[in-house]
Protein backbone atom coordinates (compact mmCIF):
# COMPACT_ATOMS: atom_id res chain seq x y z
CA MET A 1 0.00 0.01 0.00
CA PRO A 2 1.26 3.54 -0.81
CA ASP A 3 2.64 5.70 1.96
CA GLU A 4 0.09 8.31 2.95
CA LYS A 5 2.70 10.99 3.45
CA HIS A 6 2.44 11.53 -0.38
CA SER A 7 -1.21 12.68 -0.01
CA TYR A 8 -0.55 15.51 2.32
CA GLU A 9 -0.41 19.03 0.98
CA PRO A 10 3.20 20.48 1.02
CA GLN A 11 3.79 23.37 3.41
CA ASN A 12 3.40 26.81 1.84
CA ILE A 13 1.91 25.55 -1.28
CA HIS A 14 -0.29 28.54 -1.43
CA GLN A 15 2.74 30.78 -2.02
CA ALA A 16 3.07 29.17 -5.47
CA PHE A 17 -0.18 30.70 -6.69
CA THR A 18 -1.36 34.29 -7.09
CA GLN A 19 -4.88 35.36 -6.24
CA GLU A 20 -6.79 38.18 -7.66
CA LYS A 21 -9.81 38.79 -5.26
CA GLU A 22 -12.77 40.66 -6.45
CA ILE A 23 -16.07 40.25 -4.57
CA GLY A 24 -19.36 40.18 -6.43
CA SER A 25 -20.41 43.72 -5.33
CA GLU A 26 -17.10 45.00 -6.69
CA PHE A 27 -17.62 43.18 -10.05
CA LEU A 28 -21.10 44.66 -10.30
CA GLN A 29 -19.95 48.24 -9.41
CA ARG A 30 -17.11 47.94 -12.05
CA THR A 31 -19.41 46.55 -14.78
CA ARG A 32 -22.68 48.57 -13.95
CA SER A 33 -22.28 50.87 -17.00
CA MET A 34 -21.42 48.06 -19.33
CA THR A 35 -23.82 46.34 -21.77
CA PRO A 36 -24.96 42.83 -20.94
CA SER A 37 -22.69 41.34 -23.63
CA SER A 38 -19.69 43.26 -22.22
CA VAL A 39 -20.52 42.07 -18.73
CA THR A 40 -20.67 38.47 -20.04
CA LEU A 41 -17.25 38.85 -21.61
CA GLU A 42 -15.75 40.22 -18.37
CA MET A 43 -17.16 37.30 -16.33
CA GLN A 44 -15.83 34.83 -18.92
CA ASN A 45 -12.33 36.66 -18.76
CA TYR A 46 -12.25 36.35 -15.03
CA LEU A 47 -13.38 32.76 -14.84
CA LEU A 48 -11.53 31.38 -17.85
CA GLY A 49 -8.79 33.83 -18.42
CA ALA A 50 -6.06 31.38 -17.34
CA LEU A 51 -6.97 28.98 -20.24
CA ARG A 52 -6.54 31.67 -22.73
CA ASP A 53 -2.71 31.11 -23.24
CA THR A 54 -2.84 27.42 -24.58
CA SER A 55 1.06 27.25 -24.14
CA LEU A 56 0.38 27.18 -20.34
CA VAL A 57 -2.18 24.30 -20.49
CA GLY A 58 -0.48 21.16 -19.38
CA GLN A 59 2.83 22.75 -18.50
CA TYR A 60 2.76 21.71 -14.84
CA SER A 61 1.64 18.29 -15.85
CA THR A 62 4.59 17.90 -18.08
CA MET A 63 7.02 19.28 -15.49
CA HIS A 64 5.42 16.82 -12.94
CA ASP A 65 5.98 13.97 -15.42
CA ASN A 66 9.56 14.90 -15.77
CA ALA A 67 10.11 15.30 -12.04
CA ILE A 68 8.77 11.78 -11.63
CA TYR A 69 11.15 10.32 -14.12
CA GLN A 70 14.20 12.37 -12.94
CA LEU A 71 13.62 12.53 -9.11
CA GLY A 72 10.94 9.76 -8.23
CA TYR A 73 7.56 10.01 -6.70
CA ALA A 74 8.87 10.74 -3.14
CA HIS A 75 10.92 13.82 -4.02
CA PRO A 76 9.57 17.08 -2.46
CA ARG A 77 9.63 18.90 -5.87
CA THR A 78 7.58 16.07 -7.50
CA VAL A 79 5.07 16.27 -4.78
CA LYS A 80 4.77 20.08 -4.94
CA LEU A 81 4.34 19.92 -8.77
CA ALA A 82 1.53 17.38 -8.17
CA TYR A 83 -0.45 20.09 -6.22
CA LYS A 84 -0.08 22.80 -8.79
């Protein structure tokens, strides 16, 4: 049976991500003078913007695969990449 230690989230993993926080009321205030179609585009941009650059899609998966091959499943870098 696999060791459970690999299922635990690495310390400080949250530092590997950036967060842009905008609460609903701020979004509504920012878009109140826009047309409904423009508001829809803004919402789609907020929710799906990270997928726009197709060169980034799958990049972490590839780095994780390479880390498995070079470092093994138990290496801290491999585990950290699995969480990204």
